[in-house]
């Protein structure tokens, strides 16, 4: 791009990644059109991530200056972002970035769909909307809530699955938000994607099967955002069953809120793991009885079932306290701290 100013002089350098992808065309949406400096190609380095190498080939490169990583290559296609890409010597330079002021200064370089601070009566959280790419090529929209880590690194990254999308479930569900707040209070980051076919996520609902790839994409985001950070899989209702069917070496435990036994047609992956599992069952759950859940989990390893008194499946009251208590206990057990 002749005459383009140096990329680092753009003023948004904290939110910029440069990728060199020989022989491939990837469109990455960015929140602001970032001028690309061709000389950055010479400094680009290979991506040291097996899943990305397998998906995109050995030619994938990122500029090392900002320790950037890539979390799925795909356009949001939502009409709110621009795509930037130029060809140079058979390679494509792709810039992406522009952090909102509330998150500027982080070293992350993921595709940003927006970021803002959410204000509550107790604390302020930084919530970011990001784009994820699944292994089968579906683009998802997800919320990331960053923990306040002034006193040190976050304890874990909580990946959250939401209720059934065909019955109105989304990442904005109040119990999902309760899990996010519990994670934030516990000093953990969290990420909550809208499952395929829900909200602004692409694709079609797949009865919990392909949705496992959606949460796997969130785990991939975690692996690239925070090296070696423990993952806690969590979910509410349908999302809890999906979460318990995701396998990843980083997973240290599971939190399942109101899991419907009827949806566990097959034995969940989590059942055989030695990692701790905490299941919360509303006393008056319309879809699962205590007897049915205890029977279904009787031979699971490291499993704790807690009954939530005075609420039904939709947990209209007390979700924050219940999720915080359960997550705190799970973290102590999973992380041994």
Protein backbone atom coordinates (compact mmCIF):
# COMPACT_ATOMS: atom_id res chain seq x y z
CA UNK A 1 0.00 0.00 0.00
CA UNK A 2 2.14 2.82 -1.30
CA UNK A 3 2.33 5.91 0.83
CA UNK A 4 0.61 4.33 3.81
CA UNK A 5 1.80 5.72 7.14
CA UNK A 6 3.60 3.36 9.50
CA UNK A 7 1.12 1.12 11.28
CA UNK A 8 2.42 1.96 14.74
CA UNK A 9 1.81 5.65 14.11
CA UNK A 10 -1.90 5.05 13.65
CA UNK A 11 -2.63 5.66 17.31
CA UNK A 12 -4.56 2.43 17.79
CA UNK A 13 -1.53 0.17 17.90
CA UNK A 14 -2.68 -1.75 20.96
CA UNK A 15 -5.55 -3.12 18.92
CA UNK A 16 -3.77 -4.01 15.71
CA UNK A 17 -2.70 -7.37 14.38
CA UNK A 18 -0.91 -8.01 11.11
CA UNK A 19 -1.22 -11.40 9.46
CA UNK A 20 0.59 -12.72 6.39
CA UNK A 21 -1.26 -15.55 4.70
CA UNK A 22 0.55 -16.67 1.52
CA UNK A 23 -1.76 -17.97 -1.16
CA UNK A 24 -4.91 -17.59 0.90
CA UNK A 25 -7.63 -14.97 1.08
CA UNK A 26 -9.06 -14.23 4.51
CA UNK A 27 -11.32 -11.28 5.17
CA UNK A 28 -11.06 -9.90 8.67
CA UNK A 29 -13.54 -7.18 9.69
CA UNK A 30 -12.12 -4.28 11.65
CA UNK A 31 -13.82 -1.48 13.53
CA UNK A 32 -11.63 1.15 11.88
CA UNK A 33 -9.83 1.11 8.55
CA UNK A 34 -6.20 0.56 9.53
CA UNK A 35 -3.43 1.58 7.11
CA UNK A 36 -1.12 -1.33 6.43
CA UNK A 37 2.65 -0.97 6.33
CA UNK A 38 4.18 -3.49 3.85
CA UNK A 39 7.44 -3.62 5.79
CA UNK A 40 5.62 -5.50 8.55
CA UNK A 41 5.68 -8.61 6.38
CA UNK A 42 9.41 -9.02 6.98
CA UNK A 43 8.95 -9.15 10.75
CA UNK A 44 6.04 -11.57 10.77
CA UNK A 45 6.56 -14.87 12.56
CA UNK A 46 4.88 -18.31 12.35
CA UNK A 47 1.87 -19.01 14.52
CA UNK A 48 2.75 -21.56 17.18
CA UNK A 49 -0.69 -23.10 17.54
CA UNK A 50 -1.45 -26.63 16.22
CA UNK A 51 -5.16 -26.06 15.57
CA UNK A 52 -4.55 -22.92 13.54
CA UNK A 53 -1.70 -24.53 11.60
CA UNK A 54 -3.92 -27.47 10.78
CA UNK A 55 -6.75 -25.22 9.63
CA UNK A 56 -4.83 -22.55 7.75
CA UNK A 57 -1.50 -24.18 6.88
CA UNK A 58 2.07 -23.46 7.82
CA UNK A 59 2.00 -20.13 5.98
CA UNK A 60 -0.02 -18.30 8.63
CA UNK A 61 2.04 -15.53 10.23
CA UNK A 62 1.52 -12.83 12.82
CA UNK A 63 3.62 -9.86 13.72
CA UNK A 64 5.42 -10.53 17.02
CA UNK A 65 5.57 -6.95 18.26
CA UNK A 66 2.25 -7.15 20.09
CA UNK A 67 2.17 -10.89 20.76
CA UNK A 68 -0.92 -11.13 18.61
CA UNK A 69 -2.84 -14.32 17.91
CA UNK A 70 -5.71 -15.16 15.62
CA UNK A 71 -9.04 -16.49 16.86
CA UNK A 72 -10.70 -17.83 13.74
CA UNK A 73 -10.47 -16.17 10.36
CA UNK A 74 -13.83 -15.09 9.03
CA UNK A 75 -15.86 -11.99 8.27
CA UNK A 76 -18.62 -10.95 10.62
CA UNK A 77 -20.81 -10.04 7.69
CA UNK A 78 -22.94 -7.83 9.91
CA UNK A 79 -22.59 -4.61 7.94
CA UNK A 80 -21.00 -2.77 10.84
CA UNK A 81 -17.35 -3.40 10.03
CA UNK A 82 -14.94 -2.86 7.19
CA UNK A 83 -12.62 -5.43 5.70
CA UNK A 84 -9.01 -4.52 5.05
CA UNK A 85 -6.63 -6.57 2.91
CA UNK A 86 -3.90 -5.92 0.37
CA UNK A 87 -1.84 -8.24 -1.80
CA UNK A 88 1.95 -8.01 -1.69
CA UNK A 89 4.33 -10.47 -3.33
CA UNK A 90 1.77 -13.25 -3.32
CA UNK A 91 0.84 -12.72 0.32
CA UNK A 92 -2.09 -10.97 1.88
CA UNK A 93 -1.54 -8.46 4.65
CA UNK A 94 -4.55 -8.19 6.90
CA UNK A 95 -4.93 -5.55 9.56
CA UNK A 96 -7.50 -5.60 12.28
CA UNK A 97 -8.01 -3.66 15.41
CA UNK A 98 -9.34 -0.54 17.09
CA UNK A 99 -10.06 -1.09 20.74
CA UNK A 100 -12.71 0.86 22.53
CA UNK A 101 -11.19 3.16 25.14
CA UNK A 102 -12.39 0.92 27.95
CA UNK A 103 -10.23 -1.96 26.74
CA UNK A 104 -7.37 -0.12 25.06
CA UNK A 105 -3.99 -1.26 26.30
CA UNK A 106 -4.76 -4.97 26.31
CA UNK A 107 -2.40 -6.98 24.15
CA UNK A 108 -5.19 -8.95 22.45
CA UNK A 109 -5.61 -8.81 18.71
CA UNK A 110 -8.87 -10.61 18.10
CA UNK A 111 -11.59 -9.48 15.74
CA UNK A 112 -13.52 -6.86 17.65
CA UNK A 113 -17.21 -6.28 17.11
CA UNK A 114 -17.28 -3.65 19.82
CA UNK A 115 -16.40 -3.09 23.44
CA UNK A 116 -17.90 -1.14 26.28
CA UNK A 117 -18.05 -0.93 30.03
CA UNK A 118 -21.17 -2.28 31.67
CA UNK A 119 -22.10 -0.41 34.81
CA UNK A 120 -23.91 -2.13 37.64
CA UNK A 121 -24.79 -1.26 41.20
CA UNK A 122 -21.77 -3.06 42.61
CA UNK A 123 -18.95 -3.01 40.07
CA UNK A 124 -18.02 -2.06 36.53
CA UNK A 125 -17.07 -4.78 34.07
CA UNK A 126 -15.44 -4.55 30.68
CA UNK A 127 -17.59 -6.43 28.18
CA UNK A 128 -16.40 -6.99 24.64
CA UNK A 129 -18.19 -8.52 21.69
CA UNK A 130 -15.94 -10.67 19.53
CA UNK A 131 -16.24 -12.89 16.47
CA UNK A 132 -15.35 -16.58 16.67
CA UNK A 133 -14.81 -19.07 13.86
CA UNK A 134 -15.71 -22.74 14.39
CA UNK A 135 -13.93 -25.73 12.89
CA UNK A 136 -16.84 -26.24 10.48
CA UNK A 137 -16.69 -22.66 9.24
CA UNK A 138 -19.49 -21.02 11.20
CA UNK A 139 -19.02 -17.45 12.46
CA UNK A 140 -20.33 -16.75 15.95
CA UNK A 141 -20.80 -13.64 18.01
CA UNK A 142 -19.69 -13.84 21.63
CA UNK A 143 -19.36 -11.65 24.70
CA UNK A 144 -16.13 -11.58 26.67
CA UNK A 145 -16.10 -10.17 30.19
CA UNK A 146 -12.56 -9.39 31.31
CA UNK A 147 -11.74 -9.76 34.98
CA UNK A 148 -10.09 -6.90 36.82
CA UNK A 149 -6.57 -8.23 37.15
CA UNK A 150 -4.76 -5.32 38.79
CA UNK A 151 -3.78 -7.64 41.63
CA UNK A 152 -2.49 -10.40 39.37
CA UNK A 153 -3.55 -12.80 36.63
CA UNK A 154 -7.11 -14.04 36.32
CA UNK A 155 -7.73 -17.38 38.05
CA UNK A 156 -9.47 -19.04 35.11
CA UNK A 157 -11.50 -18.44 31.95
CA UNK A 158 -15.15 -19.50 32.22
CA UNK A 159 -16.79 -20.65 28.96
CA UNK A 160 -20.59 -20.38 29.18
CA UNK A 161 -23.33 -22.04 27.14
CA UNK A 162 -26.80 -20.45 26.99
CA UNK A 163 -30.31 -22.01 27.05
CA UNK A 164 -32.07 -23.58 24.09
CA UNK A 165 -32.13 -21.10 21.17
CA UNK A 166 -35.40 -22.46 19.78
CA UNK A 167 -37.08 -21.50 23.05
CA UNK A 168 -35.71 -17.99 23.28
CA UNK A 169 -32.33 -18.79 24.80
CA UNK A 170 -29.39 -16.52 24.07
CA UNK A 171 -26.21 -15.21 25.63
CA UNK A 172 -28.29 -12.41 27.17
CA UNK A 173 -30.25 -14.78 29.43
CA UNK A 174 -30.40 -13.64 33.06
CA UNK A 175 -28.91 -16.88 34.44
CA UNK A 176 -26.09 -16.69 31.90
CA UNK A 177 -25.44 -13.14 33.10
CA UNK A 178 -25.46 -14.42 36.68
CA UNK A 179 -22.69 -16.89 35.77
CA UNK A 180 -20.75 -14.07 34.10
CA UNK A 181 -21.05 -11.93 37.23
CA UNK A 182 -20.03 -14.86 39.41
CA UNK A 183 -16.94 -15.37 37.27
CA UNK A 184 -16.06 -11.69 37.47
CA UNK A 185 -16.43 -11.64 41.25
CA UNK A 186 -14.23 -14.72 41.46
CA UNK A 187 -11.46 -13.05 39.46
CA UNK A 188 -12.11 -14.98 36.24
CA UNK A 189 -12.56 -13.93 32.63
CA UNK A 190 -15.61 -15.34 30.84
CA UNK A 191 -16.75 -15.83 27.26
CA UNK A 192 -20.32 -16.53 26.15
CA UNK A 193 -21.06 -17.16 22.47
CA UNK A 194 -24.48 -17.14 20.91
CA UNK A 195 -24.89 -20.67 19.60
CA UNK A 196 -25.16 -21.11 15.83
CA UNK A 197 -28.46 -19.78 14.52
CA UNK A 198 -29.01 -17.58 17.58
CA UNK A 199 -28.70 -13.80 17.66
CA UNK A 200 -26.07 -12.60 15.20
CA UNK A 201 -24.35 -15.98 14.99
CA UNK A 202 -24.42 -17.69 11.61
CA UNK A 203 -25.40 -21.30 10.92
CA UNK A 204 -28.36 -23.41 11.99
CA UNK A 205 -29.39 -25.04 15.24
CA UNK A 206 -28.18 -28.65 15.49
CA UNK A 207 -29.85 -30.02 18.65
CA UNK A 208 -26.68 -29.73 20.71
CA UNK A 209 -24.38 -31.70 18.43
CA UNK A 210 -22.59 -29.07 16.32
CA UNK A 211 -23.07 -26.62 19.19
CA UNK A 212 -20.17 -28.42 20.84
CA UNK A 213 -17.98 -26.87 18.14
CA UNK A 214 -19.29 -23.46 19.19
CA UNK A 215 -18.01 -23.88 22.73
CA UNK A 216 -14.84 -25.51 21.39
CA UNK A 217 -14.25 -22.30 19.39
CA UNK A 218 -14.60 -20.37 22.64
CA UNK A 219 -11.98 -22.66 24.20
CA UNK A 220 -9.70 -21.93 21.24
CA UNK A 221 -10.17 -18.22 21.88
CA UNK A 222 -9.12 -18.78 25.50
CA UNK A 223 -6.02 -20.72 24.46
CA UNK A 224 -4.89 -17.87 22.25
CA UNK A 225 -5.92 -15.04 24.57
CA UNK A 226 -4.39 -16.42 27.75
CA UNK A 227 -1.57 -18.94 27.51
CA UNK A 228 -2.08 -21.98 29.75
CA UNK A 229 -5.06 -20.50 31.59
CA UNK A 230 -7.41 -23.06 33.20
CA UNK A 231 -10.88 -23.31 31.67
CA UNK A 232 -14.12 -23.85 33.54
CA UNK A 233 -16.98 -25.02 31.33
CA UNK A 234 -20.34 -23.70 32.47
CA UNK A 235 -23.86 -23.51 31.15
CA UNK A 236 -27.51 -23.12 31.93
CA UNK A 237 -30.18 -25.60 30.82
CA UNK A 238 -29.47 -26.70 27.21
CA UNK A 239 -26.12 -24.91 27.39
CA UNK A 240 -25.05 -26.93 30.41
CA UNK A 241 -25.52 -30.20 28.52
CA UNK A 242 -23.54 -28.87 25.56
CA UNK A 243 -20.79 -27.69 27.92
CA UNK A 244 -20.52 -31.13 29.53
CA UNK A 245 -19.92 -32.63 26.09
CA UNK A 246 -16.88 -30.50 25.27
CA UNK A 247 -13.43 -31.97 25.78
CA UNK A 248 -10.28 -29.87 25.98
CA UNK A 249 -7.04 -30.39 27.92
CA UNK A 250 -7.41 -26.97 29.55
CA UNK A 251 -10.77 -27.81 31.16
CA UNK A 252 -10.43 -28.03 34.93
CA UNK A 253 -14.10 -28.43 35.84
CA UNK A 254 -17.76 -28.00 34.90
CA UNK A 255 -20.63 -25.97 36.35
CA UNK A 256 -24.05 -27.09 35.10
CA UNK A 257 -27.09 -25.04 36.11
CA UNK A 258 -30.46 -26.79 35.73
CA UNK A 259 -29.25 -29.49 33.30
CA UNK A 260 -32.22 -31.27 31.63
CA UNK A 261 -31.71 -35.01 32.07
CA UNK A 262 -33.89 -35.69 29.01
CA UNK A 263 -31.23 -34.03 26.84
CA UNK A 264 -28.53 -36.38 28.11
CA UNK A 265 -29.38 -39.11 25.61
CA UNK A 266 -25.72 -40.05 25.56
CA UNK A 267 -23.33 -40.10 28.47
CA UNK A 268 -21.65 -36.67 28.62
CA UNK A 269 -17.92 -36.44 28.11
CA UNK A 270 -17.56 -34.82 31.53
CA UNK A 271 -19.03 -37.86 33.28
CA UNK A 272 -15.83 -39.86 32.98
CA UNK A 273 -13.43 -37.03 33.77
CA UNK A 274 -11.69 -36.90 37.13
CA UNK A 275 -12.16 -33.12 37.07
CA UNK A 276 -14.83 -31.77 39.44
CA UNK A 277 -18.38 -31.21 38.30
CA UNK A 278 -20.93 -29.10 40.20
CA UNK A 279 -24.57 -29.44 39.14
CA UNK A 280 -27.28 -27.08 40.40
CA UNK A 281 -30.85 -28.42 40.35
CA UNK A 282 -33.84 -26.18 41.11
CA UNK A 283 -36.15 -27.87 43.61
CA UNK A 284 -39.19 -27.27 41.41
CA UNK A 285 -37.55 -27.81 38.02
CA UNK A 286 -40.27 -28.56 35.46
CA UNK A 287 -37.97 -30.69 33.31
CA UNK A 288 -35.82 -32.69 35.74
CA UNK A 289 -36.51 -34.21 39.14
CA UNK A 290 -33.89 -34.64 41.83
CA UNK A 291 -34.36 -38.40 41.62
CA UNK A 292 -33.80 -38.40 37.86
CA UNK A 293 -30.66 -36.27 38.07
CA UNK A 294 -29.12 -38.21 40.94
CA UNK A 295 -29.86 -41.46 39.13
CA UNK A 296 -28.34 -40.20 35.87
CA UNK A 297 -25.17 -39.03 37.63
CA UNK A 298 -24.81 -41.85 40.16
CA UNK A 299 -21.74 -43.33 38.47
CA UNK A 300 -20.15 -40.04 37.42
CA UNK A 301 -16.80 -39.24 38.95
CA UNK A 302 -16.14 -36.17 41.12
CA UNK A 303 -19.73 -34.92 40.88
CA UNK A 304 -21.63 -32.73 43.34
CA UNK A 305 -25.38 -32.13 43.01
CA UNK A 306 -26.81 -29.15 44.90
CA UNK A 307 -30.55 -28.50 45.12
CA UNK A 308 -31.67 -24.88 44.88
CA UNK A 309 -34.68 -24.43 47.13
CA UNK A 310 -37.81 -22.43 46.27
CA UNK A 311 -37.10 -21.96 42.55
CA UNK A 312 -38.09 -23.67 39.32
CA UNK A 313 -36.12 -24.25 36.12
CA UNK A 314 -36.08 -20.55 35.25
CA UNK A 315 -34.54 -19.42 38.56
CA UNK A 316 -36.37 -16.11 38.77
CA UNK A 317 -34.64 -15.24 42.05
CA UNK A 318 -31.32 -16.01 43.69
CA UNK A 319 -29.35 -16.92 40.56
CA UNK A 320 -26.43 -14.64 41.42
CA UNK A 321 -25.89 -16.07 44.89
CA UNK A 322 -26.34 -19.67 43.73
CA UNK A 323 -23.92 -19.32 40.83
CA UNK A 324 -21.32 -17.48 42.91
CA UNK A 325 -21.40 -20.06 45.70
CA UNK A 326 -21.14 -22.97 43.27
CA UNK A 327 -18.41 -21.42 41.13
CA UNK A 328 -16.34 -20.45 44.16
CA UNK A 329 -16.51 -24.02 45.46
CA UNK A 330 -15.69 -25.43 42.03
CA UNK A 331 -12.68 -23.15 41.62
CA UNK A 332 -11.30 -24.11 45.03
CA UNK A 333 -11.64 -27.77 44.13
CA UNK A 334 -10.45 -27.47 40.54
CA UNK A 335 -7.51 -25.15 41.14
CA UNK A 336 -6.62 -26.33 44.64
CA UNK A 337 -6.21 -22.79 45.90
